[in-house]
N, C-alpha and C. Protein backbone atom coordinates (compact mmCIF):
# COMPACT_ATOMS: atom_id res chain seq x y z
N MET A 1 36.56 -65.65 -58.06
CA MET A 1 35.72 -66.12 -59.14
C MET A 1 34.27 -65.68 -58.92
N LYS A 2 33.57 -65.32 -59.96
CA LYS A 2 32.20 -64.88 -59.81
C LYS A 2 31.23 -66.03 -60.04
N GLY A 3 30.22 -66.09 -59.19
CA GLY A 3 29.24 -67.15 -59.30
C GLY A 3 27.93 -66.60 -59.81
N LYS A 4 26.82 -67.11 -59.25
CA LYS A 4 25.50 -66.75 -59.77
C LYS A 4 25.05 -65.38 -59.31
N ALA A 5 25.79 -64.71 -58.43
CA ALA A 5 25.49 -63.35 -58.02
C ALA A 5 26.78 -62.56 -58.03
N GLU A 6 26.67 -61.25 -58.35
CA GLU A 6 27.86 -60.43 -58.42
C GLU A 6 28.49 -60.28 -57.04
N LYS A 7 29.79 -60.40 -57.00
CA LYS A 7 30.54 -60.23 -55.77
C LYS A 7 31.70 -59.30 -56.04
N ALA A 8 32.03 -58.50 -55.05
CA ALA A 8 33.15 -57.58 -55.20
C ALA A 8 34.37 -58.17 -54.54
N TYR A 9 35.32 -58.64 -55.34
CA TYR A 9 36.56 -59.19 -54.81
C TYR A 9 37.58 -58.06 -54.71
N ASP A 10 37.27 -57.12 -53.81
CA ASP A 10 38.12 -55.95 -53.62
C ASP A 10 38.98 -56.13 -52.37
N GLN A 11 39.71 -55.09 -52.00
CA GLN A 11 40.58 -55.22 -50.84
C GLN A 11 39.78 -55.51 -49.58
N ALA A 12 38.58 -54.94 -49.46
CA ALA A 12 37.75 -55.17 -48.28
C ALA A 12 37.39 -56.65 -48.15
N TYR A 13 37.14 -57.30 -49.29
CA TYR A 13 36.81 -58.73 -49.28
C TYR A 13 37.98 -59.54 -48.71
N PHE A 14 39.17 -59.28 -49.21
CA PHE A 14 40.34 -60.04 -48.77
C PHE A 14 40.74 -59.69 -47.33
N ASP A 15 40.53 -58.43 -46.95
CA ASP A 15 40.79 -58.05 -45.57
C ASP A 15 39.89 -58.84 -44.62
N ARG A 16 38.65 -59.02 -45.01
CA ARG A 16 37.71 -59.73 -44.14
C ARG A 16 37.99 -61.22 -44.07
N TRP A 17 38.08 -61.87 -45.21
CA TRP A 17 38.13 -63.33 -45.23
C TRP A 17 39.53 -63.92 -45.09
N TYR A 18 40.55 -63.08 -45.25
CA TYR A 18 41.92 -63.61 -45.18
C TYR A 18 42.79 -62.96 -44.11
N ARG A 19 42.33 -61.82 -43.52
CA ARG A 19 43.15 -61.16 -42.52
C ARG A 19 42.44 -60.91 -41.19
N ASP A 20 41.15 -60.78 -41.20
CA ASP A 20 40.40 -60.53 -39.96
C ASP A 20 40.36 -61.82 -39.13
N PRO A 21 40.95 -61.84 -37.94
CA PRO A 21 40.97 -63.05 -37.12
C PRO A 21 39.59 -63.61 -36.79
N LYS A 22 38.56 -62.76 -36.83
CA LYS A 22 37.21 -63.21 -36.50
C LYS A 22 36.50 -63.87 -37.67
N ALA A 23 37.00 -63.66 -38.88
CA ALA A 23 36.30 -64.19 -40.05
C ALA A 23 37.17 -64.97 -41.01
N ARG A 24 38.48 -64.85 -40.92
CA ARG A 24 39.37 -65.43 -41.94
C ARG A 24 39.19 -66.95 -42.05
N VAL A 25 39.33 -67.43 -43.26
CA VAL A 25 39.09 -68.84 -43.54
C VAL A 25 40.31 -69.71 -43.30
N ALA A 26 41.50 -69.11 -43.28
CA ALA A 26 42.71 -69.91 -43.05
C ALA A 26 43.85 -69.02 -42.58
N THR A 27 44.66 -69.53 -41.68
CA THR A 27 45.85 -68.81 -41.23
C THR A 27 47.02 -69.12 -42.16
N ARG A 28 48.08 -68.34 -42.06
CA ARG A 28 49.27 -68.60 -42.87
C ARG A 28 49.85 -69.97 -42.55
N ALA A 29 49.81 -70.34 -41.28
CA ALA A 29 50.34 -71.65 -40.88
C ALA A 29 49.53 -72.77 -41.52
N ALA A 30 48.21 -72.61 -41.58
CA ALA A 30 47.36 -73.63 -42.19
C ALA A 30 47.63 -73.75 -43.68
N VAL A 31 47.81 -72.61 -44.35
CA VAL A 31 48.12 -72.63 -45.78
C VAL A 31 49.47 -73.30 -46.02
N LYS A 32 50.43 -73.02 -45.16
CA LYS A 32 51.76 -73.63 -45.28
C LYS A 32 51.69 -75.14 -45.15
N ARG A 33 50.91 -75.63 -44.17
CA ARG A 33 50.77 -77.08 -43.99
C ARG A 33 50.07 -77.72 -45.18
N LYS A 34 49.02 -77.06 -45.67
CA LYS A 34 48.28 -77.61 -46.81
C LYS A 34 49.16 -77.65 -48.05
N THR A 35 49.92 -76.58 -48.26
CA THR A 35 50.82 -76.53 -49.41
C THR A 35 51.85 -77.66 -49.35
N ALA A 36 52.41 -77.89 -48.17
CA ALA A 36 53.40 -78.95 -48.01
C ALA A 36 52.80 -80.31 -48.32
N MET A 37 51.56 -80.53 -47.89
CA MET A 37 50.89 -81.80 -48.16
C MET A 37 50.70 -82.02 -49.66
N VAL A 38 50.19 -80.99 -50.32
CA VAL A 38 49.87 -81.12 -51.75
C VAL A 38 51.15 -81.29 -52.58
N VAL A 39 52.17 -80.49 -52.28
CA VAL A 39 53.44 -80.62 -53.00
C VAL A 39 54.04 -82.00 -52.75
N GLY A 40 53.94 -82.51 -51.52
CA GLY A 40 54.46 -83.84 -51.21
C GLY A 40 53.79 -84.92 -52.03
N ILE A 41 52.46 -84.84 -52.17
CA ILE A 41 51.73 -85.81 -52.98
C ILE A 41 52.16 -85.72 -54.43
N ALA A 42 52.25 -84.50 -54.94
CA ALA A 42 52.63 -84.32 -56.35
C ALA A 42 54.04 -84.84 -56.61
N GLU A 43 54.98 -84.54 -55.74
CA GLU A 43 56.35 -84.97 -55.96
C GLU A 43 56.52 -86.47 -55.78
N ALA A 44 55.72 -87.05 -54.90
CA ALA A 44 55.77 -88.51 -54.73
C ALA A 44 55.32 -89.22 -56.00
N LEU A 45 54.30 -88.68 -56.64
CA LEU A 45 53.79 -89.32 -57.86
C LEU A 45 54.64 -88.97 -59.08
N LEU A 46 55.14 -87.74 -59.13
CA LEU A 46 56.01 -87.34 -60.25
C LEU A 46 57.41 -87.94 -60.13
N GLN A 47 57.80 -88.27 -58.89
CA GLN A 47 59.14 -88.79 -58.58
C GLN A 47 60.23 -87.77 -58.91
N ARG A 48 59.90 -86.50 -58.67
CA ARG A 48 60.85 -85.40 -58.86
C ARG A 48 60.24 -84.14 -58.26
N PRO A 49 61.03 -83.09 -58.10
CA PRO A 49 60.49 -81.83 -57.56
C PRO A 49 59.46 -81.20 -58.50
N VAL A 50 58.51 -80.51 -57.92
CA VAL A 50 57.54 -79.74 -58.69
C VAL A 50 58.24 -78.51 -59.27
N LYS A 51 58.03 -78.26 -60.56
CA LYS A 51 58.71 -77.15 -61.23
C LYS A 51 57.75 -76.07 -61.72
N THR A 52 56.51 -76.46 -62.05
CA THR A 52 55.54 -75.50 -62.58
C THR A 52 54.22 -75.63 -61.85
N VAL A 53 53.66 -74.49 -61.47
CA VAL A 53 52.40 -74.47 -60.73
C VAL A 53 51.44 -73.47 -61.34
N LEU A 54 50.19 -73.89 -61.52
CA LEU A 54 49.10 -73.01 -61.93
C LEU A 54 48.12 -72.93 -60.77
N ASP A 55 47.85 -71.71 -60.31
CA ASP A 55 46.96 -71.48 -59.17
C ASP A 55 45.71 -70.77 -59.68
N VAL A 56 44.60 -71.49 -59.76
CA VAL A 56 43.36 -70.97 -60.35
C VAL A 56 42.46 -70.40 -59.26
N GLY A 57 42.03 -69.15 -59.44
CA GLY A 57 41.29 -68.48 -58.39
C GLY A 57 42.20 -68.19 -57.21
N CYS A 58 43.39 -67.70 -57.53
CA CYS A 58 44.49 -67.61 -56.56
C CYS A 58 44.31 -66.50 -55.54
N GLY A 59 43.37 -65.56 -55.80
CA GLY A 59 43.26 -64.42 -54.91
C GLY A 59 44.57 -63.64 -54.90
N GLU A 60 45.03 -63.28 -53.71
CA GLU A 60 46.27 -62.51 -53.59
C GLU A 60 47.52 -63.37 -53.73
N GLY A 61 47.32 -64.65 -53.99
CA GLY A 61 48.47 -65.55 -54.18
C GLY A 61 49.03 -66.07 -52.87
N THR A 62 48.15 -66.45 -51.94
CA THR A 62 48.60 -66.90 -50.62
C THR A 62 49.41 -68.19 -50.69
N TRP A 63 49.22 -68.98 -51.73
CA TRP A 63 50.00 -70.22 -51.88
C TRP A 63 51.39 -69.96 -52.45
N ARG A 64 51.59 -68.80 -53.03
CA ARG A 64 52.83 -68.55 -53.78
C ARG A 64 54.07 -68.64 -52.90
N ALA A 65 54.08 -67.93 -51.77
CA ALA A 65 55.27 -67.92 -50.92
C ALA A 65 55.64 -69.30 -50.40
N PRO A 66 54.71 -70.08 -49.83
CA PRO A 66 55.10 -71.42 -49.39
C PRO A 66 55.47 -72.35 -50.53
N LEU A 67 54.93 -72.12 -51.72
CA LEU A 67 55.33 -72.93 -52.87
C LEU A 67 56.76 -72.64 -53.28
N LEU A 68 57.13 -71.36 -53.25
CA LEU A 68 58.46 -70.97 -53.69
C LEU A 68 59.53 -71.31 -52.65
N ALA A 69 59.12 -71.40 -51.39
CA ALA A 69 60.08 -71.70 -50.33
C ALA A 69 60.68 -73.09 -50.54
N GLY A 70 61.97 -73.14 -50.72
CA GLY A 70 62.63 -74.42 -50.91
C GLY A 70 62.54 -74.98 -52.31
N HIS A 71 61.93 -74.22 -53.24
CA HIS A 71 61.81 -74.68 -54.63
C HIS A 71 62.37 -73.61 -55.56
N ARG A 72 63.68 -73.50 -55.57
CA ARG A 72 64.35 -72.51 -56.41
C ARG A 72 64.02 -72.76 -57.88
N GLY A 73 63.62 -71.69 -58.55
CA GLY A 73 63.32 -71.80 -59.97
C GLY A 73 61.90 -72.24 -60.28
N LEU A 74 61.09 -72.48 -59.26
CA LEU A 74 59.70 -72.89 -59.52
C LEU A 74 58.97 -71.77 -60.26
N GLN A 75 58.22 -72.13 -61.27
CA GLN A 75 57.46 -71.16 -62.05
C GLN A 75 56.01 -71.15 -61.59
N TYR A 76 55.59 -70.03 -61.01
CA TYR A 76 54.24 -69.88 -60.47
C TYR A 76 53.42 -68.98 -61.38
N THR A 77 52.23 -69.45 -61.75
CA THR A 77 51.29 -68.65 -62.53
C THR A 77 49.95 -68.63 -61.80
N GLY A 78 49.46 -67.44 -61.51
CA GLY A 78 48.15 -67.31 -60.88
C GLY A 78 47.11 -66.80 -61.86
N VAL A 79 45.86 -67.19 -61.64
CA VAL A 79 44.74 -66.70 -62.44
C VAL A 79 43.64 -66.26 -61.48
N ASP A 80 43.14 -65.05 -61.66
CA ASP A 80 42.06 -64.58 -60.81
C ASP A 80 41.24 -63.52 -61.53
N SER A 81 39.97 -63.40 -61.11
CA SER A 81 39.05 -62.45 -61.75
C SER A 81 39.07 -61.09 -61.08
N SER A 82 39.74 -60.96 -59.93
CA SER A 82 39.71 -59.72 -59.16
C SER A 82 40.58 -58.64 -59.78
N GLU A 83 39.97 -57.52 -60.11
CA GLU A 83 40.72 -56.39 -60.66
C GLU A 83 41.68 -55.83 -59.60
N TYR A 84 41.23 -55.79 -58.35
CA TYR A 84 42.09 -55.32 -57.25
C TYR A 84 43.36 -56.17 -57.17
N VAL A 85 43.20 -57.50 -57.21
CA VAL A 85 44.35 -58.40 -57.12
C VAL A 85 45.31 -58.17 -58.28
N ARG A 86 44.79 -58.06 -59.47
CA ARG A 86 45.65 -57.91 -60.64
C ARG A 86 46.40 -56.58 -60.62
N GLN A 87 45.72 -55.52 -60.20
CA GLN A 87 46.38 -54.22 -60.16
C GLN A 87 47.47 -54.17 -59.09
N ARG A 88 47.21 -54.80 -57.96
CA ARG A 88 48.16 -54.73 -56.85
C ARG A 88 49.27 -55.78 -56.93
N PHE A 89 48.91 -56.99 -57.39
CA PHE A 89 49.87 -58.09 -57.34
C PHE A 89 50.15 -58.75 -58.69
N GLY A 90 49.44 -58.33 -59.71
CA GLY A 90 49.54 -59.02 -61.00
C GLY A 90 50.95 -59.16 -61.51
N ARG A 91 51.70 -58.06 -61.52
CA ARG A 91 53.06 -58.09 -62.08
C ARG A 91 54.05 -58.77 -61.13
N THR A 92 53.99 -58.44 -59.85
CA THR A 92 54.98 -58.96 -58.91
C THR A 92 54.77 -60.44 -58.57
N ARG A 93 53.52 -60.92 -58.69
CA ARG A 93 53.23 -62.31 -58.34
C ARG A 93 52.78 -63.15 -59.54
N ASN A 94 52.91 -62.58 -60.73
CA ASN A 94 52.55 -63.28 -61.98
C ASN A 94 51.12 -63.80 -61.94
N ILE A 95 50.19 -62.88 -61.68
CA ILE A 95 48.76 -63.22 -61.65
C ILE A 95 48.10 -62.55 -62.85
N ARG A 96 47.43 -63.35 -63.65
CA ARG A 96 46.77 -62.83 -64.85
C ARG A 96 45.25 -62.90 -64.72
N ALA A 97 44.56 -62.15 -65.57
CA ALA A 97 43.10 -62.08 -65.54
C ALA A 97 42.50 -63.36 -66.10
N GLY A 98 41.45 -63.84 -65.44
CA GLY A 98 40.75 -65.02 -65.94
C GLY A 98 39.86 -65.61 -64.88
N THR A 99 39.01 -66.52 -65.30
CA THR A 99 38.12 -67.23 -64.40
C THR A 99 38.28 -68.73 -64.61
N PHE A 100 37.67 -69.50 -63.74
CA PHE A 100 37.72 -70.96 -63.88
C PHE A 100 37.17 -71.39 -65.23
N GLY A 101 36.09 -70.74 -65.66
CA GLY A 101 35.45 -71.13 -66.91
C GLY A 101 36.13 -70.65 -68.17
N THR A 102 37.14 -69.79 -68.04
CA THR A 102 37.82 -69.27 -69.23
C THR A 102 39.27 -69.73 -69.32
N LEU A 103 39.65 -70.74 -68.57
CA LEU A 103 41.03 -71.21 -68.58
C LEU A 103 41.50 -71.59 -69.98
N ASP A 104 40.57 -72.13 -70.78
CA ASP A 104 40.94 -72.57 -72.12
C ASP A 104 41.14 -71.41 -73.09
N GLU A 105 40.89 -70.17 -72.64
CA GLU A 105 41.04 -69.00 -73.50
C GLU A 105 42.29 -68.18 -73.16
N LEU A 106 43.03 -68.58 -72.15
CA LEU A 106 44.10 -67.73 -71.63
C LEU A 106 45.46 -67.98 -72.24
N GLY A 107 45.57 -68.97 -73.10
CA GLY A 107 46.86 -69.26 -73.73
C GLY A 107 47.89 -69.78 -72.75
N LEU A 108 47.44 -70.50 -71.73
CA LEU A 108 48.36 -71.04 -70.73
C LEU A 108 49.19 -72.16 -71.35
N GLU A 109 50.48 -72.15 -71.01
CA GLU A 109 51.40 -73.13 -71.59
C GLU A 109 51.63 -74.27 -70.60
N GLY A 110 50.87 -75.34 -70.76
CA GLY A 110 51.08 -76.52 -69.93
C GLY A 110 52.09 -77.45 -70.59
N PRO A 111 52.26 -78.64 -70.07
CA PRO A 111 51.56 -79.11 -68.87
C PRO A 111 52.17 -78.55 -67.59
N PHE A 112 51.32 -78.48 -66.55
CA PHE A 112 51.77 -78.03 -65.24
C PHE A 112 51.93 -79.23 -64.32
N ASP A 113 53.01 -79.19 -63.53
CA ASP A 113 53.23 -80.26 -62.56
C ASP A 113 52.15 -80.27 -61.48
N LEU A 114 51.70 -79.08 -61.10
CA LEU A 114 50.69 -78.94 -60.06
C LEU A 114 49.72 -77.84 -60.44
N ILE A 115 48.43 -78.15 -60.38
CA ILE A 115 47.39 -77.15 -60.57
C ILE A 115 46.57 -77.07 -59.29
N VAL A 116 46.53 -75.87 -58.72
CA VAL A 116 45.83 -75.64 -57.46
C VAL A 116 44.53 -74.88 -57.72
N CYS A 117 43.46 -75.33 -57.11
CA CYS A 117 42.19 -74.61 -57.17
C CYS A 117 41.54 -74.77 -55.79
N CYS A 118 41.86 -73.83 -54.92
CA CYS A 118 41.51 -73.95 -53.51
C CYS A 118 40.34 -73.05 -53.14
N ASP A 119 39.26 -73.65 -52.63
CA ASP A 119 38.10 -72.90 -52.16
C ASP A 119 37.48 -72.04 -53.25
N VAL A 120 37.32 -72.61 -54.43
CA VAL A 120 36.79 -71.89 -55.59
C VAL A 120 35.57 -72.58 -56.19
N LEU A 121 35.62 -73.90 -56.30
CA LEU A 121 34.64 -74.63 -57.10
C LEU A 121 33.20 -74.42 -56.67
N GLN A 122 32.95 -74.21 -55.38
CA GLN A 122 31.58 -74.03 -54.93
C GLN A 122 30.97 -72.70 -55.38
N TYR A 123 31.79 -71.81 -55.92
CA TYR A 123 31.29 -70.54 -56.45
C TYR A 123 31.19 -70.52 -57.98
N VAL A 124 31.51 -71.65 -58.61
CA VAL A 124 31.54 -71.72 -60.07
C VAL A 124 30.22 -72.27 -60.61
N PRO A 125 29.56 -71.56 -61.54
CA PRO A 125 28.31 -72.03 -62.14
C PRO A 125 28.51 -73.35 -62.89
N PRO A 126 27.43 -74.13 -63.09
CA PRO A 126 27.54 -75.46 -63.70
C PRO A 126 28.27 -75.50 -65.03
N ARG A 127 27.91 -74.64 -65.97
CA ARG A 127 28.56 -74.69 -67.29
C ARG A 127 30.04 -74.36 -67.20
N GLU A 128 30.38 -73.40 -66.36
CA GLU A 128 31.79 -73.06 -66.18
C GLU A 128 32.56 -74.17 -65.48
N LEU A 129 31.88 -74.88 -64.58
CA LEU A 129 32.54 -75.98 -63.87
C LEU A 129 32.99 -77.05 -64.86
N THR A 130 32.10 -77.47 -65.74
CA THR A 130 32.43 -78.50 -66.73
C THR A 130 33.55 -78.06 -67.65
N ARG A 131 33.44 -76.83 -68.14
CA ARG A 131 34.44 -76.31 -69.07
C ARG A 131 35.80 -76.16 -68.39
N GLY A 132 35.80 -75.64 -67.15
CA GLY A 132 37.05 -75.44 -66.44
C GLY A 132 37.75 -76.73 -66.08
N LEU A 133 36.98 -77.75 -65.67
CA LEU A 133 37.57 -79.04 -65.34
C LEU A 133 38.21 -79.69 -66.57
N ARG A 134 37.57 -79.54 -67.70
CA ARG A 134 38.16 -80.09 -68.93
C ARG A 134 39.47 -79.38 -69.26
N ALA A 135 39.50 -78.07 -69.06
CA ALA A 135 40.72 -77.31 -69.33
C ALA A 135 41.84 -77.74 -68.37
N ILE A 136 41.50 -77.95 -67.12
CA ILE A 136 42.50 -78.40 -66.14
C ILE A 136 43.06 -79.76 -66.54
N ALA A 137 42.18 -80.67 -66.96
CA ALA A 137 42.64 -82.00 -67.37
C ALA A 137 43.60 -81.90 -68.55
N GLU A 138 43.35 -80.97 -69.45
CA GLU A 138 44.21 -80.81 -70.62
C GLU A 138 45.56 -80.16 -70.26
N LEU A 139 45.54 -79.29 -69.25
CA LEU A 139 46.76 -78.59 -68.85
C LEU A 139 47.61 -79.38 -67.86
N LEU A 140 47.06 -80.45 -67.34
CA LEU A 140 47.67 -81.17 -66.23
C LEU A 140 48.71 -82.20 -66.68
N GLY A 141 49.90 -82.09 -66.06
CA GLY A 141 50.92 -83.09 -66.30
C GLY A 141 51.31 -83.82 -65.03
N GLY A 142 50.67 -83.44 -63.93
CA GLY A 142 51.00 -84.04 -62.64
C GLY A 142 49.76 -84.22 -61.78
N VAL A 143 49.65 -83.41 -60.72
CA VAL A 143 48.57 -83.51 -59.75
C VAL A 143 47.81 -82.19 -59.70
N THR A 144 46.49 -82.27 -59.57
CA THR A 144 45.70 -81.08 -59.33
C THR A 144 45.01 -81.19 -57.98
N TYR A 145 45.04 -80.09 -57.25
CA TYR A 145 44.39 -80.01 -55.94
C TYR A 145 43.09 -79.24 -56.12
N LEU A 146 41.96 -79.93 -56.04
CA LEU A 146 40.64 -79.34 -56.27
C LEU A 146 39.84 -79.38 -54.98
N GLU A 147 40.07 -78.38 -54.14
CA GLU A 147 39.38 -78.33 -52.85
C GLU A 147 37.95 -77.85 -53.06
N ALA A 148 36.99 -78.70 -52.75
CA ALA A 148 35.58 -78.36 -52.92
C ALA A 148 34.78 -78.83 -51.73
N TYR A 149 33.77 -78.05 -51.36
CA TYR A 149 32.91 -78.42 -50.24
C TYR A 149 31.48 -78.61 -50.71
N THR A 150 30.79 -79.55 -50.10
CA THR A 150 29.53 -80.04 -50.63
C THR A 150 28.39 -79.88 -49.63
N THR A 151 27.22 -80.34 -50.04
CA THR A 151 26.05 -80.30 -49.17
C THR A 151 26.21 -81.22 -47.96
N ALA A 152 27.21 -82.08 -47.98
CA ALA A 152 27.47 -82.98 -46.85
C ALA A 152 28.42 -82.37 -45.83
N ASP A 153 28.93 -81.17 -46.12
CA ASP A 153 29.91 -80.53 -45.25
C ASP A 153 29.30 -79.36 -44.49
N ASP A 154 29.69 -79.22 -43.24
CA ASP A 154 29.26 -78.10 -42.40
C ASP A 154 30.35 -77.04 -42.47
N ILE A 155 30.13 -76.03 -43.32
CA ILE A 155 31.18 -75.06 -43.63
C ILE A 155 30.79 -73.67 -43.16
N GLU A 156 31.77 -72.96 -42.59
CA GLU A 156 31.60 -71.56 -42.24
C GLU A 156 32.43 -70.72 -43.21
N GLY A 157 31.94 -69.52 -43.49
CA GLY A 157 32.68 -68.65 -44.39
C GLY A 157 31.76 -67.94 -45.35
N ASP A 158 32.32 -67.55 -46.48
CA ASP A 158 31.59 -66.79 -47.49
C ASP A 158 30.60 -67.70 -48.23
N ARG A 159 29.31 -67.47 -48.02
CA ARG A 159 28.30 -68.31 -48.67
C ARG A 159 27.57 -67.59 -49.80
N LYS A 160 27.98 -66.38 -50.13
CA LYS A 160 27.34 -65.66 -51.21
C LYS A 160 27.72 -66.27 -52.55
N ALA A 161 26.72 -66.46 -53.43
CA ALA A 161 26.94 -67.07 -54.76
C ALA A 161 27.43 -68.50 -54.67
N TRP A 162 27.07 -69.17 -53.59
CA TRP A 162 27.46 -70.57 -53.35
C TRP A 162 26.58 -71.50 -54.17
N HIS A 163 27.18 -72.49 -54.81
CA HIS A 163 26.43 -73.49 -55.56
C HIS A 163 26.40 -74.78 -54.75
N HIS A 164 25.21 -75.18 -54.35
CA HIS A 164 25.05 -76.36 -53.50
C HIS A 164 25.11 -77.63 -54.35
N ARG A 165 26.18 -78.40 -54.19
CA ARG A 165 26.35 -79.64 -54.94
C ARG A 165 26.67 -80.77 -53.98
N SER A 166 26.16 -81.94 -54.30
CA SER A 166 26.41 -83.12 -53.47
C SER A 166 27.78 -83.69 -53.79
N PRO A 167 28.33 -84.55 -52.92
CA PRO A 167 29.58 -85.22 -53.23
C PRO A 167 29.49 -85.99 -54.55
N ALA A 168 28.35 -86.63 -54.80
CA ALA A 168 28.19 -87.40 -56.02
C ALA A 168 28.27 -86.51 -57.26
N GLU A 169 27.73 -85.30 -57.17
CA GLU A 169 27.78 -84.39 -58.32
C GLU A 169 29.21 -84.00 -58.65
N TYR A 170 30.00 -83.69 -57.63
CA TYR A 170 31.41 -83.36 -57.88
C TYR A 170 32.18 -84.55 -58.43
N ARG A 171 31.98 -85.72 -57.83
CA ARG A 171 32.70 -86.90 -58.30
C ARG A 171 32.38 -87.19 -59.76
N SER A 172 31.11 -87.03 -60.12
CA SER A 172 30.71 -87.26 -61.51
C SER A 172 31.37 -86.25 -62.44
N ALA A 173 31.42 -84.99 -62.02
CA ALA A 173 32.04 -83.95 -62.85
C ALA A 173 33.53 -84.21 -63.04
N PHE A 174 34.20 -84.64 -61.97
CA PHE A 174 35.63 -84.93 -62.07
C PHE A 174 35.89 -86.12 -63.01
N ARG A 175 35.07 -87.16 -62.87
CA ARG A 175 35.23 -88.34 -63.74
C ARG A 175 35.01 -87.98 -65.20
N ARG A 176 33.99 -87.18 -65.48
CA ARG A 176 33.70 -86.79 -66.87
C ARG A 176 34.86 -86.01 -67.48
N ALA A 177 35.58 -85.29 -66.64
CA ALA A 177 36.73 -84.51 -67.13
C ALA A 177 37.98 -85.38 -67.29
N GLY A 178 37.90 -86.63 -66.85
CA GLY A 178 39.05 -87.52 -66.97
C GLY A 178 40.01 -87.43 -65.80
N LEU A 179 39.52 -86.98 -64.64
CA LEU A 179 40.35 -86.84 -63.46
C LEU A 179 40.09 -87.98 -62.48
N THR A 180 41.14 -88.52 -61.91
CA THR A 180 41.06 -89.65 -60.99
C THR A 180 41.52 -89.22 -59.60
N SER A 181 40.70 -89.45 -58.59
CA SER A 181 41.04 -89.06 -57.24
C SER A 181 42.14 -89.93 -56.65
N VAL A 182 43.09 -89.28 -55.97
CA VAL A 182 44.11 -90.00 -55.21
C VAL A 182 44.05 -89.59 -53.74
N GLY A 183 42.92 -89.00 -53.35
CA GLY A 183 42.68 -88.66 -51.96
C GLY A 183 43.07 -87.24 -51.58
N MET A 184 42.50 -86.74 -50.48
CA MET A 184 42.81 -85.41 -49.92
C MET A 184 42.64 -84.30 -50.95
N HIS A 185 41.58 -84.34 -51.72
CA HIS A 185 41.27 -83.33 -52.74
C HIS A 185 42.25 -83.34 -53.91
N CYS A 186 43.09 -84.35 -54.02
CA CYS A 186 44.07 -84.41 -55.10
C CYS A 186 43.62 -85.37 -56.20
N TYR A 187 43.92 -84.98 -57.44
CA TYR A 187 43.50 -85.77 -58.61
C TYR A 187 44.65 -85.83 -59.62
N VAL A 188 44.65 -86.89 -60.41
CA VAL A 188 45.61 -87.02 -61.50
C VAL A 188 44.84 -87.19 -62.81
N GLY A 189 45.51 -86.87 -63.89
CA GLY A 189 44.92 -87.04 -65.22
C GLY A 189 45.47 -88.27 -65.90
N SER A 190 45.30 -88.31 -67.20
CA SER A 190 45.68 -89.50 -67.96
C SER A 190 47.19 -89.76 -67.92
N GLU A 191 47.99 -88.71 -67.76
CA GLU A 191 49.44 -88.88 -67.80
C GLU A 191 49.98 -89.62 -66.57
N LEU A 192 49.44 -89.31 -65.40
CA LEU A 192 49.94 -89.92 -64.17
C LEU A 192 49.11 -91.09 -63.67
N ARG A 193 47.92 -91.25 -64.18
CA ARG A 193 47.06 -92.33 -63.66
C ARG A 193 47.73 -93.69 -63.71
N PRO A 194 48.45 -94.04 -64.79
CA PRO A 194 49.11 -95.35 -64.83
C PRO A 194 50.19 -95.52 -63.76
N MET A 195 50.65 -94.40 -63.16
CA MET A 195 51.68 -94.47 -62.14
C MET A 195 51.11 -94.71 -60.75
N THR A 196 49.79 -94.71 -60.62
CA THR A 196 49.17 -94.89 -59.31
C THR A 196 48.79 -96.35 -59.09
N ALA A 197 48.85 -96.76 -57.81
CA ALA A 197 48.42 -98.11 -57.45
C ALA A 197 46.92 -98.14 -57.23
N ALA A 198 46.34 -99.33 -57.28
CA ALA A 198 44.89 -99.46 -57.17
C ALA A 198 44.34 -98.83 -55.90
N LEU A 199 45.03 -99.02 -54.77
CA LEU A 199 44.51 -98.51 -53.51
C LEU A 199 44.82 -97.02 -53.29
N GLU A 200 45.66 -96.45 -54.16
CA GLU A 200 45.86 -94.99 -54.12
C GLU A 200 44.69 -94.28 -54.77
N ARG A 201 44.04 -94.94 -55.72
CA ARG A 201 42.93 -94.33 -56.42
C ARG A 201 41.68 -94.46 -55.58
N ALA A 202 41.20 -93.32 -55.06
CA ALA A 202 40.04 -93.32 -54.17
C ALA A 202 38.78 -93.66 -54.96
N THR A 203 37.87 -94.37 -54.32
CA THR A 203 36.59 -94.72 -54.93
C THR A 203 35.47 -94.37 -53.97
N GLY A 204 34.26 -94.20 -54.52
CA GLY A 204 33.10 -93.92 -53.69
C GLY A 204 33.02 -92.51 -53.25
């Protein structure tokens, strides 16, 4: 996703941040564990297996393989702004062109059981953040995983085009979009909120 400064999401970018042991932000094992956690939360609240997944800012689709493992027939849709990603993986991994702020223009057919947006929000400009969150709330039929890092977090990694937001700013944006936190970066919309218990809904 592009933020307030132009960035090249080419093969060199993904080689550095996803494959170089000295700089990569997550290992395959870490992604597998995170995927298992998020799918477990979604299936616990849905009370059935996850069948449809939308991965926003998916990059090369690193979540796709662990999502498909053990979920025969799962429908995975990725969205990313990288021309390199779309040319190399678009057809084989079902990744289409788009950004967080243009989700409402892509003709996506929801609702989705799970919407993933991992390590993207801090690069999204304010107007696109509001618009994209509203689109996610409208497309959501289950759980959305919105991994975001704030001014309260000590983070290493790609800081180019980073938007510095406080925890309160993100919480306010999520609430305005109609999303309710259930912990560990996971949120539910209006459809699943009545299925959650009071202490499952995170506050503060």
